[in-house]
Amino acid sequence: MLTRVGRALPQLLAGDIPTSKALGDAEYCTTIGLDSPADERAAKATFLRWIWYAVRREGLHLKGADDDFRALCGIHWLLQDA
């Protein structure tokens, strides 16, 4: 789901394929190549908001995590150099 949402970001670098991996202990890392480093803030805000909605649509949750937007802030954000 994280990768699918990352592929839909308008700031995604053309031809880039986002990757996601489990880090353990209910943490995940998603790497998304962006058109420009200046897009990082907008891309992160959009990604986190879209993930929040996607989680609810799919009926998912992280065991023991609060059911609010702030719980998603535990997702690690990596900016892949273009």
C-alpha atoms as a PDB file:
ATOM      1  CA  MET A   1       0.000   0.000   0.000  1.00  0.00           C
ATOM      2  CA  LEU A   2       2.826   2.450   0.826  1.00  0.00           C
ATOM      3  CA  THR A   3       4.447   1.882  -2.556  1.00  0.00           C
ATOM      4  CA  ARG A   4       1.132   2.144  -4.396  1.00  0.00           C
ATOM      5  CA  VAL A   5       0.379   5.490  -2.749  1.00  0.00           C
ATOM      6  CA  GLY A   6       3.924   6.700  -3.455  1.00  0.00           C
ATOM      7  CA  ARG A   7       3.497   5.917  -7.165  1.00  0.00           C
ATOM      8  CA  ALA A   8       0.467   8.244  -7.261  1.00  0.00           C
ATOM      9  CA  LEU A   9       2.264  11.322  -5.877  1.00  0.00           C
ATOM     10  CA  PRO A  10       2.294  14.254  -8.303  1.00  0.00           C
ATOM     11  CA  GLN A  11       5.879  15.081  -7.240  1.00  0.00           C
ATOM     12  CA  LEU A  12       7.186  11.611  -8.196  1.00  0.00           C
ATOM     13  CA  LEU A  13      10.257  11.703 -10.432  1.00  0.00           C
ATOM     14  CA  ALA A  14       9.311  10.476 -13.910  1.00  0.00           C
ATOM     15  CA  GLY A  15      10.281   6.820 -14.277  1.00  0.00           C
ATOM     16  CA  ASP A  16      10.957   6.309 -10.556  1.00  0.00           C
ATOM     17  CA  ILE A  17       9.457   3.334  -8.757  1.00  0.00           C
ATOM     18  CA  PRO A  18       9.002   3.925  -5.012  1.00  0.00           C
ATOM     19  CA  THR A  19      10.096   1.134  -2.684  1.00  0.00           C
ATOM     20  CA  SER A  20       8.863   0.172   0.776  1.00  0.00           C
ATOM     21  CA  LYS A  21      10.255  -2.240   3.322  1.00  0.00           C
ATOM     22  CA  ALA A  22       9.368  -3.343   6.826  1.00  0.00           C
ATOM     23  CA  LEU A  23      11.906  -2.299   9.450  1.00  0.00           C
ATOM     24  CA  GLY A  24      10.324  -4.306  12.245  1.00  0.00           C
ATOM     25  CA  ASP A  25       8.520  -3.205  15.387  1.00  0.00           C
ATOM     26  CA  ALA A  26       5.632  -1.743  13.299  1.00  0.00           C
ATOM     27  CA  GLU A  27       7.943   0.609  11.369  1.00  0.00           C
ATOM     28  CA  TYR A  28       8.231   0.927   7.606  1.00  0.00           C
ATOM     29  CA  CYS A  29      10.525   2.797   5.243  1.00  0.00           C
ATOM     30  CA  THR A  30       9.312   4.148   1.890  1.00  0.00           C
ATOM     31  CA  THR A  31      11.784   5.686  -0.556  1.00  0.00           C
ATOM     32  CA  ILE A  32      10.349   7.975  -3.228  1.00  0.00           C
ATOM     33  CA  GLY A  33      12.365   9.793  -5.895  1.00  0.00           C
ATOM     34  CA  LEU A  34      11.150  13.360  -6.363  1.00  0.00           C
ATOM     35  CA  ASP A  35      11.364  15.839  -9.227  1.00  0.00           C
ATOM     36  CA  SER A  36      13.214  18.301  -6.986  1.00  0.00           C
ATOM     37  CA  PRO A  37      14.385  18.572  -3.365  1.00  0.00           C
ATOM     38  CA  ALA A  38      12.061  21.590  -3.161  1.00  0.00           C
ATOM     39  CA  ASP A  39       9.140  19.136  -3.493  1.00  0.00           C
ATOM     40  CA  GLU A  40      10.003  17.259  -0.292  1.00  0.00           C
ATOM     41  CA  ARG A  41       7.674  19.120   2.094  1.00  0.00           C
ATOM     42  CA  ALA A  42       4.628  18.967  -0.204  1.00  0.00           C
ATOM     43  CA  ALA A  43       5.323  15.338  -1.144  1.00  0.00           C
ATOM     44  CA  LYS A  44       5.660  14.285   2.496  1.00  0.00           C
ATOM     45  CA  ALA A  45       2.452  16.065   3.520  1.00  0.00           C
ATOM     46  CA  THR A  46       0.506  14.560   0.619  1.00  0.00           C
ATOM     47  CA  PHE A  47       1.979  11.078   1.159  1.00  0.00           C
ATOM     48  CA  LEU A  48       1.117  11.000   4.867  1.00  0.00           C
ATOM     49  CA  ARG A  49      -2.399  12.304   4.277  1.00  0.00           C
ATOM     50  CA  TRP A  50      -3.065   9.797   1.460  1.00  0.00           C
ATOM     51  CA  ILE A  51      -1.649   6.934   3.570  1.00  0.00           C
ATOM     52  CA  TRP A  52      -3.950   7.886   6.445  1.00  0.00           C
ATOM     53  CA  TYR A  53      -6.980   7.630   4.155  1.00  0.00           C
ATOM     54  CA  ALA A  54      -5.736   4.457   2.425  1.00  0.00           C
ATOM     55  CA  VAL A  55      -5.260   2.717   5.775  1.00  0.00           C
ATOM     56  CA  ARG A  56      -8.857   3.445   6.738  1.00  0.00           C
ATOM     57  CA  ARG A  57     -10.269   2.426   3.343  1.00  0.00           C
ATOM     58  CA  GLU A  58      -8.480  -0.923   3.573  1.00  0.00           C
ATOM     59  CA  GLY A  59      -9.405  -1.459   7.234  1.00  0.00           C
ATOM     60  CA  LEU A  60      -5.765  -1.681   8.330  1.00  0.00           C
ATOM     61  CA  HIS A  61      -4.100  -0.518  11.517  1.00  0.00           C
ATOM     62  CA  LEU A  62      -0.791  -0.891  13.309  1.00  0.00           C
ATOM     63  CA  LYS A  63      -1.055  -3.017  16.418  1.00  0.00           C
ATOM     64  CA  GLY A  64      -1.098  -0.732  19.435  1.00  0.00           C
ATOM     65  CA  ALA A  65      -0.947   2.476  17.367  1.00  0.00           C
ATOM     66  CA  ASP A  66      -3.275   5.384  17.932  1.00  0.00           C
ATOM     67  CA  ASP A  67      -5.936   5.849  15.262  1.00  0.00           C
ATOM     68  CA  ASP A  68      -5.001   9.374  14.305  1.00  0.00           C
ATOM     69  CA  PHE A  69      -2.905  11.185  11.746  1.00  0.00           C
ATOM     70  CA  ARG A  70      -0.021  11.708  14.168  1.00  0.00           C
ATOM     71  CA  ALA A  71       0.489   7.934  14.395  1.00  0.00           C
ATOM     72  CA  LEU A  72       1.676   8.006  10.786  1.00  0.00           C
ATOM     73  CA  CYS A  73       4.532  10.311  11.692  1.00  0.00           C
ATOM     74  CA  GLY A  74       6.443   7.156  12.678  1.00  0.00           C
ATOM     75  CA  ILE A  75       6.827   6.377   8.971  1.00  0.00           C
ATOM     76  CA  HIS A  76      10.402   7.107   7.993  1.00  0.00           C
ATOM     77  CA  TRP A  77      10.793   9.541   5.115  1.00  0.00           C
ATOM     78  CA  LEU A  78      13.780   9.233   2.843  1.00  0.00           C
ATOM     79  CA  LEU A  79      14.456  11.591  -0.015  1.00  0.00           C
ATOM     80  CA  GLN A  80      16.094   9.732  -2.846  1.00  0.00           C
ATOM     81  CA  ASP A  81      18.512  11.888  -4.820  1.00  0.00           C
ATOM     82  CA  ALA A  82      17.318  12.475  -8.362  1.00  0.00           C
END
